[in-house]
Amino acid sequence: MARYDMSSADCGALGAVASGALYFQLGVMHAIGRGAPVDRVSAHKWLNLAAREGVADAARMRRELALEMTAEEIADAQRAAREHLRAH
């Protein structure tokens, strides 16, 4: 079975077709290190975008993740989410 490495991909091409469910899956992948290294900033970014699309589980998971993050990490994640929205 193929394993997709999302660690180096910005996933920029997803902007036009991405849904809240896809953003949620990317957030989970980065949060638990499945198919990508554990990266709380990226996880928060994708979960933030999923929550914006109405995925309730994403908002809950983002809140839980934020408890393990520094204020600087959260700010970086929010900035990355805004940049993604501007680009797409």
C-alpha atoms as a PDB file:
ATOM      1  CA  MET A   1       0.000   0.000   0.000  1.00  0.00           C
ATOM      2  CA  ALA A   2       1.276   3.478  -0.821  1.00  0.00           C
ATOM      3  CA  ARG A   3       2.224   5.805   1.973  1.00  0.00           C
ATOM      4  CA  TYR A   4       1.829   9.501   1.333  1.00  0.00           C
ATOM      5  CA  ASP A   5       4.484  11.741   2.819  1.00  0.00           C
ATOM      6  CA  MET A   6       2.887  15.058   3.681  1.00  0.00           C
ATOM      7  CA  SER A   7       5.888  16.322   5.630  1.00  0.00           C
ATOM      8  CA  SER A   8       7.467  18.439   2.914  1.00  0.00           C
ATOM      9  CA  ALA A   9       4.343  19.318   0.984  1.00  0.00           C
ATOM     10  CA  ASP A  10       2.697  22.632   1.657  1.00  0.00           C
ATOM     11  CA  CYS A  11      -0.451  21.144   0.148  1.00  0.00           C
ATOM     12  CA  GLY A  12      -0.936  24.383  -1.730  1.00  0.00           C
ATOM     13  CA  ALA A  13      -2.643  22.662  -4.634  1.00  0.00           C
ATOM     14  CA  LEU A  14      -5.411  21.555  -2.292  1.00  0.00           C
ATOM     15  CA  GLY A  15      -6.832  25.039  -1.899  1.00  0.00           C
ATOM     16  CA  ALA A  16      -9.213  24.915  -4.822  1.00  0.00           C
ATOM     17  CA  VAL A  17     -10.664  21.505  -3.999  1.00  0.00           C
ATOM     18  CA  ALA A  18     -10.147  21.090  -0.268  1.00  0.00           C
ATOM     19  CA  SER A  19     -13.027  20.520   2.077  1.00  0.00           C
ATOM     20  CA  GLY A  20     -13.326  20.715   5.819  1.00  0.00           C
ATOM     21  CA  ALA A  21     -13.043  16.927   5.987  1.00  0.00           C
ATOM     22  CA  LEU A  22      -9.765  16.961   4.058  1.00  0.00           C
ATOM     23  CA  TYR A  23      -8.354  19.741   6.229  1.00  0.00           C
ATOM     24  CA  PHE A  24      -9.384  17.705   9.290  1.00  0.00           C
ATOM     25  CA  GLN A  25      -7.575  14.619   8.010  1.00  0.00           C
ATOM     26  CA  LEU A  26      -4.425  16.663   7.374  1.00  0.00           C
ATOM     27  CA  GLY A  27      -4.652  18.061  10.895  1.00  0.00           C
ATOM     28  CA  VAL A  28      -4.969  14.590  12.390  1.00  0.00           C
ATOM     29  CA  MET A  29      -2.067  13.307  10.291  1.00  0.00           C
ATOM     30  CA  HIS A  30       0.221  16.037  11.611  1.00  0.00           C
ATOM     31  CA  ALA A  31      -1.092  15.746  15.174  1.00  0.00           C
ATOM     32  CA  ILE A  32      -0.379  12.020  15.483  1.00  0.00           C
ATOM     33  CA  GLY A  33       2.411  11.591  12.951  1.00  0.00           C
ATOM     34  CA  ARG A  34       0.554   9.404  10.491  1.00  0.00           C
ATOM     35  CA  GLY A  35       2.049   9.882   7.030  1.00  0.00           C
ATOM     36  CA  ALA A  36       3.808  12.994   8.275  1.00  0.00           C
ATOM     37  CA  PRO A  37       6.063  13.841  11.187  1.00  0.00           C
ATOM     38  CA  VAL A  38       4.317  15.111  14.306  1.00  0.00           C
ATOM     39  CA  ASP A  39       4.048  18.865  13.796  1.00  0.00           C
ATOM     40  CA  ARG A  40       1.728  20.687  16.184  1.00  0.00           C
ATOM     41  CA  VAL A  41       1.914  23.965  14.257  1.00  0.00           C
ATOM     42  CA  SER A  42       0.832  22.319  10.998  1.00  0.00           C
ATOM     43  CA  ALA A  43      -1.783  20.265  12.828  1.00  0.00           C
ATOM     44  CA  HIS A  44      -3.260  23.404  14.406  1.00  0.00           C
ATOM     45  CA  LYS A  45      -3.237  25.163  11.028  1.00  0.00           C
ATOM     46  CA  TRP A  46      -5.178  22.381   9.268  1.00  0.00           C
ATOM     47  CA  LEU A  47      -7.561  21.906  12.201  1.00  0.00           C
ATOM     48  CA  ASN A  48      -8.194  25.651  12.242  1.00  0.00           C
ATOM     49  CA  LEU A  49      -9.094  25.562   8.547  1.00  0.00           C
ATOM     50  CA  ALA A  50     -11.330  22.524   9.102  1.00  0.00           C
ATOM     51  CA  ALA A  51     -13.095  24.233  12.002  1.00  0.00           C
ATOM     52  CA  ARG A  52     -13.652  27.263   9.775  1.00  0.00           C
ATOM     53  CA  GLU A  53     -15.433  24.902   7.363  1.00  0.00           C
ATOM     54  CA  GLY A  54     -17.735  23.728  10.158  1.00  0.00           C
ATOM     55  CA  VAL A  55     -16.045  20.504  11.287  1.00  0.00           C
ATOM     56  CA  ALA A  56     -16.941  20.396  14.998  1.00  0.00           C
ATOM     57  CA  ASP A  57     -14.406  17.675  15.833  1.00  0.00           C
ATOM     58  CA  ALA A  58     -11.678  19.880  14.377  1.00  0.00           C
ATOM     59  CA  ALA A  59     -12.517  22.734  16.724  1.00  0.00           C
ATOM     60  CA  ARG A  60     -12.445  20.364  19.709  1.00  0.00           C
ATOM     61  CA  MET A  61      -9.163  18.761  18.669  1.00  0.00           C
ATOM     62  CA  ARG A  62      -7.599  22.170  17.980  1.00  0.00           C
ATOM     63  CA  ARG A  63      -8.510  23.330  21.498  1.00  0.00           C
ATOM     64  CA  GLU A  64      -6.946  20.198  23.007  1.00  0.00           C
ATOM     65  CA  LEU A  65      -3.826  20.568  20.875  1.00  0.00           C
ATOM     66  CA  ALA A  66      -3.451  24.223  21.849  1.00  0.00           C
ATOM     67  CA  LEU A  67      -3.085  23.164  25.490  1.00  0.00           C
ATOM     68  CA  GLU A  68       0.225  21.519  24.509  1.00  0.00           C
ATOM     69  CA  MET A  69       1.496  24.476  22.463  1.00  0.00           C
ATOM     70  CA  THR A  70       3.290  27.695  23.291  1.00  0.00           C
ATOM     71  CA  ALA A  71       1.724  31.043  22.468  1.00  0.00           C
ATOM     72  CA  GLU A  72       4.346  31.461  19.746  1.00  0.00           C
ATOM     73  CA  GLU A  73       3.454  28.115  18.152  1.00  0.00           C
ATOM     74  CA  ILE A  74      -0.239  29.023  18.148  1.00  0.00           C
ATOM     75  CA  ALA A  75       0.532  32.400  16.576  1.00  0.00           C
ATOM     76  CA  ASP A  76       2.633  30.672  13.895  1.00  0.00           C
ATOM     77  CA  ALA A  77      -0.211  28.241  13.162  1.00  0.00           C
ATOM     78  CA  GLN A  78      -2.769  31.032  12.918  1.00  0.00           C
ATOM     79  CA  ARG A  79      -0.490  32.990  10.616  1.00  0.00           C
ATOM     80  CA  ALA A  80      -0.016  29.914   8.405  1.00  0.00           C
ATOM     81  CA  ALA A  81      -3.792  29.403   8.237  1.00  0.00           C
ATOM     82  CA  ARG A  82      -4.323  33.042   7.214  1.00  0.00           C
ATOM     83  CA  GLU A  83      -1.620  32.741   4.557  1.00  0.00           C
ATOM     84  CA  HIS A  84      -3.278  29.597   3.206  1.00  0.00           C
ATOM     85  CA  LEU A  85      -6.624  31.404   2.985  1.00  0.00           C
ATOM     86  CA  ARG A  86      -5.067  34.395   1.224  1.00  0.00           C
ATOM     87  CA  ALA A  87      -3.368  32.111  -1.295  1.00  0.00           C
ATOM     88  CA  HIS A  88      -6.529  30.153  -2.025  1.00  0.00           C
END
